[in-house]
């Protein structure tokens, strides 16, 4: 019996669990299922219930919940030896001040502007800042202090990688991999996501796209991730020759935009197809 909690995928039994934690009836259904299909935005409580009581669950969100937030992802990149920009993570401002005396470092090397400051949460470029001066750094630390007063802690500081104002999005859906560039024409905006006005380019530099796709496939073999959007940078800085041509992991987006995939309808068609392929390989 195929049990689906996903509103778009039709199983033998279908349950909507949006906006609530699972209960006894959900548990009974999961225990009787051969496979469980979950929505992208499922709560950790539903995911853990499914993982503990059914042998086959899609998508595989073990990495998402074991390595939460941007800080968790950096730890995952380190553990899997995935290339990424030099980064240090901090749980609080006091942690930063006690370890660096207000001057950030990565890999024991002092960072001077420009560098990138990211809060542990947020998507589509929200809460990500290019720091180009010590004043800008102090301003963002004041913002962090305000967040900490509300219980929102955690940020990371990352080296700035010049990348011709573009990032590569690589999406994995089941075994299918799709990639496209997001290119920012506004030179005054350092972010290159669609929310900041970037445009989609699916054709340029197919060799680099293939490199990143291979990196995602290898990474997902190690982590079992099978539904996510990965963001990559390729350095254009001639002084960083070791990074040129190397896909650098930036972030993992477990809930990602669909415009680059052709819109929601195209995405759901892809998702349904890949789920059915996944189910077929279980037999």
Protein backbone atom coordinates (compact mmCIF):
# COMPACT_ATOMS: atom_id res chain seq x y z
CA UNK A 1 0.00 0.00 0.00
CA UNK A 2 1.33 3.41 -1.01
CA UNK A 3 0.46 6.13 1.49
CA UNK A 4 0.69 9.72 0.27
CA UNK A 5 0.73 12.83 2.43
CA UNK A 6 1.52 14.88 -0.68
CA UNK A 7 -1.53 16.77 -2.04
CA UNK A 8 -0.35 16.33 -5.65
CA UNK A 9 0.73 12.69 -5.65
CA UNK A 10 -2.10 10.15 -5.50
CA UNK A 11 -1.37 6.99 -3.54
CA UNK A 12 -3.54 4.04 -2.52
CA UNK A 13 -4.37 6.06 0.57
CA UNK A 14 -4.11 9.84 0.84
CA UNK A 15 -3.89 11.97 3.97
CA UNK A 16 -3.43 15.73 4.36
CA UNK A 17 -1.30 16.61 7.38
CA UNK A 18 -0.61 20.27 6.59
CA UNK A 19 -0.52 22.64 9.56
CA UNK A 20 -0.55 19.95 12.23
CA UNK A 21 1.58 17.30 13.85
CA UNK A 22 0.72 13.68 13.01
CA UNK A 23 -1.48 11.68 15.35
CA UNK A 24 -2.41 8.09 16.16
CA UNK A 25 -4.42 7.59 12.96
CA UNK A 26 -1.50 8.79 10.86
CA UNK A 27 0.84 6.43 12.70
CA UNK A 28 -1.46 3.48 12.08
CA UNK A 29 -1.61 4.28 8.37
CA UNK A 30 2.18 4.65 8.15
CA UNK A 31 2.74 1.30 9.86
CA UNK A 32 0.50 -0.42 7.34
CA UNK A 33 2.15 1.21 4.31
CA UNK A 34 4.83 -0.26 2.06
CA UNK A 35 6.00 3.25 1.12
CA UNK A 36 5.20 6.79 2.27
CA UNK A 37 5.28 9.91 0.10
CA UNK A 38 5.73 13.18 2.00
CA UNK A 39 5.32 16.83 0.94
CA UNK A 40 8.36 19.07 0.60
CA UNK A 41 7.33 21.18 3.55
CA UNK A 42 6.55 18.35 5.96
CA UNK A 43 7.23 18.84 9.65
CA UNK A 44 10.08 16.99 11.30
CA UNK A 45 7.54 15.18 13.52
CA UNK A 46 5.83 13.65 10.46
CA UNK A 47 9.13 12.80 8.80
CA UNK A 48 10.53 11.05 11.85
CA UNK A 49 7.29 9.12 12.37
CA UNK A 50 7.42 7.92 8.78
CA UNK A 51 11.15 7.03 8.89
CA UNK A 52 10.78 5.06 12.11
CA UNK A 53 7.72 3.10 11.04
CA UNK A 54 8.02 2.50 7.28
CA UNK A 55 10.96 1.06 5.34
CA UNK A 56 10.56 3.36 2.33
CA UNK A 57 10.01 7.13 2.56
CA UNK A 58 10.25 9.79 -0.17
CA UNK A 59 11.84 12.30 -0.06
CA UNK A 60 14.86 11.39 2.07
CA UNK A 61 15.19 14.26 4.54
CA UNK A 62 17.68 12.71 6.95
CA UNK A 63 20.32 15.31 6.05
CA UNK A 64 17.81 18.17 6.23
CA UNK A 65 16.91 17.49 9.84
CA UNK A 66 20.32 16.25 11.00
CA UNK A 67 22.08 19.31 9.57
CA UNK A 68 19.53 22.15 9.92
CA UNK A 69 19.95 25.67 8.64
CA UNK A 70 22.86 27.21 6.80
CA UNK A 71 25.20 26.38 9.69
CA UNK A 72 24.22 22.73 9.55
CA UNK A 73 24.82 22.66 5.81
CA UNK A 74 28.36 23.99 6.23
CA UNK A 75 29.03 21.16 8.69
CA UNK A 76 27.63 18.68 6.16
CA UNK A 77 29.84 20.11 3.40
CA UNK A 78 32.86 19.73 5.66
CA UNK A 79 32.02 16.15 6.63
CA UNK A 80 31.57 15.11 3.00
CA UNK A 81 34.58 17.10 1.72
CA UNK A 82 32.33 19.09 -0.62
CA UNK A 83 34.18 22.15 -2.01
CA UNK A 84 32.71 25.39 -0.67
CA UNK A 85 33.86 28.95 0.09
CA UNK A 86 35.93 29.34 3.26
CA UNK A 87 33.42 29.76 6.06
CA UNK A 88 33.19 30.12 9.83
CA UNK A 89 29.98 29.63 11.79
CA UNK A 90 28.88 31.36 14.98
CA UNK A 91 25.96 30.67 17.27
CA UNK A 92 26.05 34.10 18.94
CA UNK A 93 27.80 37.47 18.72
CA UNK A 94 29.61 36.58 21.96
CA UNK A 95 31.01 33.51 20.21
CA UNK A 96 32.37 35.71 17.42
CA UNK A 97 33.86 38.23 19.83
CA UNK A 98 35.46 35.60 22.06
CA UNK A 99 37.15 33.81 19.16
CA UNK A 100 38.10 36.66 16.84
CA UNK A 101 38.06 39.87 18.87
CA UNK A 102 35.47 41.23 16.41
CA UNK A 103 37.62 40.52 13.34
CA UNK A 104 36.28 37.45 11.49
CA UNK A 105 38.56 34.69 10.28
CA UNK A 106 38.14 31.60 8.15
CA UNK A 107 40.55 28.69 8.31
CA UNK A 108 42.61 30.74 10.80
CA UNK A 109 43.08 33.51 8.22
CA UNK A 110 41.78 36.98 8.99
CA UNK A 111 39.00 38.18 6.70
CA UNK A 112 38.82 41.76 5.53
CA UNK A 113 35.97 43.21 3.47
CA UNK A 114 34.53 42.24 1.14
CA UNK A 115 33.05 39.10 2.70
CA UNK A 116 29.56 37.62 2.99
CA UNK A 117 27.46 37.52 6.15
CA UNK A 118 24.53 35.08 6.31
CA UNK A 119 22.03 34.50 9.05
CA UNK A 120 21.26 30.85 9.74
CA UNK A 121 17.77 31.11 8.28
CA UNK A 122 16.03 32.57 5.24
CA UNK A 123 15.77 31.73 1.57
CA UNK A 124 15.92 33.50 -1.83
CA UNK A 125 18.75 35.71 -0.61
CA UNK A 126 16.95 36.99 2.47
CA UNK A 127 19.27 37.70 5.40
CA UNK A 128 22.39 37.54 3.21
CA UNK A 129 24.66 40.60 3.08
CA UNK A 130 27.79 41.56 1.21
CA UNK A 131 30.02 43.31 3.75
CA UNK A 132 32.24 45.88 2.09
CA UNK A 133 33.37 47.92 5.12
CA UNK A 134 33.89 47.64 8.87
CA UNK A 135 30.91 49.98 9.36
CA UNK A 136 28.67 47.64 7.35
CA UNK A 137 29.95 44.76 9.46
CA UNK A 138 29.08 46.57 12.69
CA UNK A 139 25.62 47.38 11.31
CA UNK A 140 24.87 43.75 10.55
CA UNK A 141 26.14 42.70 13.97
CA UNK A 142 23.65 45.14 15.49
CA UNK A 143 20.96 43.45 13.43
CA UNK A 144 22.18 40.08 14.77
CA UNK A 145 21.92 41.42 18.33
CA UNK A 146 18.28 42.35 17.71
CA UNK A 147 17.56 38.87 16.37
CA UNK A 148 19.25 37.27 19.38
CA UNK A 149 16.94 39.17 21.73
CA UNK A 150 14.01 37.41 20.04
CA UNK A 151 15.66 33.99 20.31
CA UNK A 152 16.89 33.79 16.70
CA UNK A 153 20.56 32.88 16.88
CA UNK A 154 23.27 31.89 14.46
CA UNK A 155 25.16 33.30 11.50
CA UNK A 156 28.08 32.49 9.27
CA UNK A 157 30.83 34.54 7.69
CA UNK A 158 32.10 33.47 4.31
CA UNK A 159 34.75 34.58 1.87
CA UNK A 160 33.43 36.53 -1.09
CA UNK A 161 33.87 34.69 -4.39
CA UNK A 162 33.67 36.85 -7.57
CA UNK A 163 31.51 34.86 -9.97
CA UNK A 164 30.45 37.13 -12.84
CA UNK A 165 27.19 37.94 -11.04
CA UNK A 166 25.71 34.49 -11.51
CA UNK A 167 25.01 31.33 -9.56
CA UNK A 168 24.11 27.87 -10.81
CA UNK A 169 21.03 26.10 -9.47
CA UNK A 170 21.15 22.31 -9.73
CA UNK A 171 17.92 20.53 -8.85
CA UNK A 172 17.68 16.85 -8.04
CA UNK A 173 14.26 15.17 -8.20
CA UNK A 174 14.56 11.47 -7.59
CA UNK A 175 17.30 10.49 -10.06
CA UNK A 176 16.68 13.43 -12.40
CA UNK A 177 19.09 16.39 -12.38
CA UNK A 178 18.28 19.75 -13.97
CA UNK A 179 20.50 22.83 -13.92
CA UNK A 180 20.31 26.47 -14.97
CA UNK A 181 22.17 29.72 -14.33
CA UNK A 182 20.65 32.66 -12.53
CA UNK A 183 22.29 35.78 -13.93
CA UNK A 184 22.14 39.24 -12.35
CA UNK A 185 22.47 42.12 -14.82
CA UNK A 186 22.27 44.81 -12.14
CA UNK A 187 25.91 45.28 -11.18
CA UNK A 188 24.88 47.08 -7.98
CA UNK A 189 23.20 43.91 -6.68
CA UNK A 190 25.56 41.15 -5.63
CA UNK A 191 22.84 38.53 -5.22
CA UNK A 192 21.89 36.53 -8.30
CA UNK A 193 18.62 34.90 -7.33
CA UNK A 194 15.33 35.40 -9.13
CA UNK A 195 13.87 37.37 -6.22
CA UNK A 196 16.55 40.03 -6.72
CA UNK A 197 15.85 40.35 -10.45
CA UNK A 198 18.17 37.75 -11.97
CA UNK A 199 17.17 35.97 -15.17
CA UNK A 200 17.37 32.29 -16.07
CA UNK A 201 19.96 30.98 -18.53
CA UNK A 202 19.76 27.23 -19.06
CA UNK A 203 22.21 27.05 -21.98
CA UNK A 204 25.50 28.78 -21.14
CA UNK A 205 28.63 26.86 -20.17
CA UNK A 206 27.23 23.32 -20.41
CA UNK A 207 30.58 21.93 -19.29
CA UNK A 208 30.40 23.78 -15.98
CA UNK A 209 26.78 22.70 -15.57
CA UNK A 210 27.85 19.09 -16.12
CA UNK A 211 30.62 19.46 -13.50
CA UNK A 212 28.13 20.72 -10.92
CA UNK A 213 25.61 18.05 -11.86
CA UNK A 214 28.24 15.36 -11.29
CA UNK A 215 29.13 16.96 -7.95
CA UNK A 216 25.49 16.86 -6.90
CA UNK A 217 25.11 13.23 -7.94
CA UNK A 218 28.19 12.25 -5.94
CA UNK A 219 27.08 14.31 -2.95
CA UNK A 220 23.61 12.77 -3.01
CA UNK A 221 25.06 9.26 -3.09
CA UNK A 222 26.77 10.08 0.20
CA UNK A 223 23.81 11.86 1.81
CA UNK A 224 20.83 10.13 0.11
CA UNK A 225 19.25 13.52 -0.67
CA UNK A 226 16.78 13.03 -3.52
CA UNK A 227 14.74 16.24 -3.60
CA UNK A 228 16.54 19.57 -3.31
CA UNK A 229 17.92 22.56 -5.14
CA UNK A 230 21.67 23.14 -4.78
CA UNK A 231 23.29 26.52 -5.35
CA UNK A 232 26.83 26.73 -6.76
CA UNK A 233 29.43 29.38 -7.47
CA UNK A 234 32.25 29.21 -9.99
CA UNK A 235 35.05 31.63 -9.20
CA UNK A 236 36.03 34.16 -11.85
CA UNK A 237 38.96 35.47 -9.78
CA UNK A 238 42.27 34.84 -11.53
CA UNK A 239 44.01 35.07 -8.15
CA UNK A 240 42.10 31.99 -7.00
CA UNK A 241 43.21 29.60 -9.71
CA UNK A 242 42.51 26.58 -7.50
CA UNK A 243 38.83 27.53 -7.48
CA UNK A 244 38.33 28.36 -11.16
CA UNK A 245 36.35 25.56 -12.78
CA UNK A 246 35.54 23.98 -9.41
CA UNK A 247 31.84 23.99 -8.48
CA UNK A 248 31.63 25.46 -4.97
CA UNK A 249 28.63 24.40 -2.90
CA UNK A 250 26.78 27.38 -1.44
CA UNK A 251 23.47 26.12 -0.06
CA UNK A 252 20.93 23.33 -0.17
CA UNK A 253 17.31 24.38 -0.68
CA UNK A 254 14.83 21.69 0.29
CA UNK A 255 11.93 23.93 -0.72
CA UNK A 256 12.88 25.69 -3.93
CA UNK A 257 11.39 27.88 -6.65
CA UNK A 258 9.96 26.26 -9.78
CA UNK A 259 10.27 28.97 -12.41
CA UNK A 260 13.56 27.56 -13.68
CA UNK A 261 11.90 24.16 -14.03
CA UNK A 262 9.10 25.51 -16.20
CA UNK A 263 6.63 26.43 -13.46
CA UNK A 264 4.62 24.51 -10.88
CA UNK A 265 2.77 22.26 -13.34
CA UNK A 266 6.02 21.16 -14.98
CA UNK A 267 7.58 20.58 -11.58
CA UNK A 268 4.68 18.45 -10.37
CA UNK A 269 4.80 16.39 -13.57
CA UNK A 270 8.51 15.78 -12.98
CA UNK A 271 7.92 14.97 -9.33
CA UNK A 272 5.13 12.49 -10.07
CA UNK A 273 7.26 10.79 -12.72
CA UNK A 274 10.29 10.48 -10.45
CA UNK A 275 8.26 9.24 -7.48
CA UNK A 276 6.77 6.50 -9.65
CA UNK A 277 10.26 5.55 -10.85
CA UNK A 278 11.41 5.47 -7.23
CA UNK A 279 8.50 3.20 -6.30
CA UNK A 280 9.23 0.91 -9.23
CA UNK A 281 12.84 0.45 -8.11
CA UNK A 282 11.63 -0.67 -4.67
CA UNK A 283 10.21 -3.86 -6.18
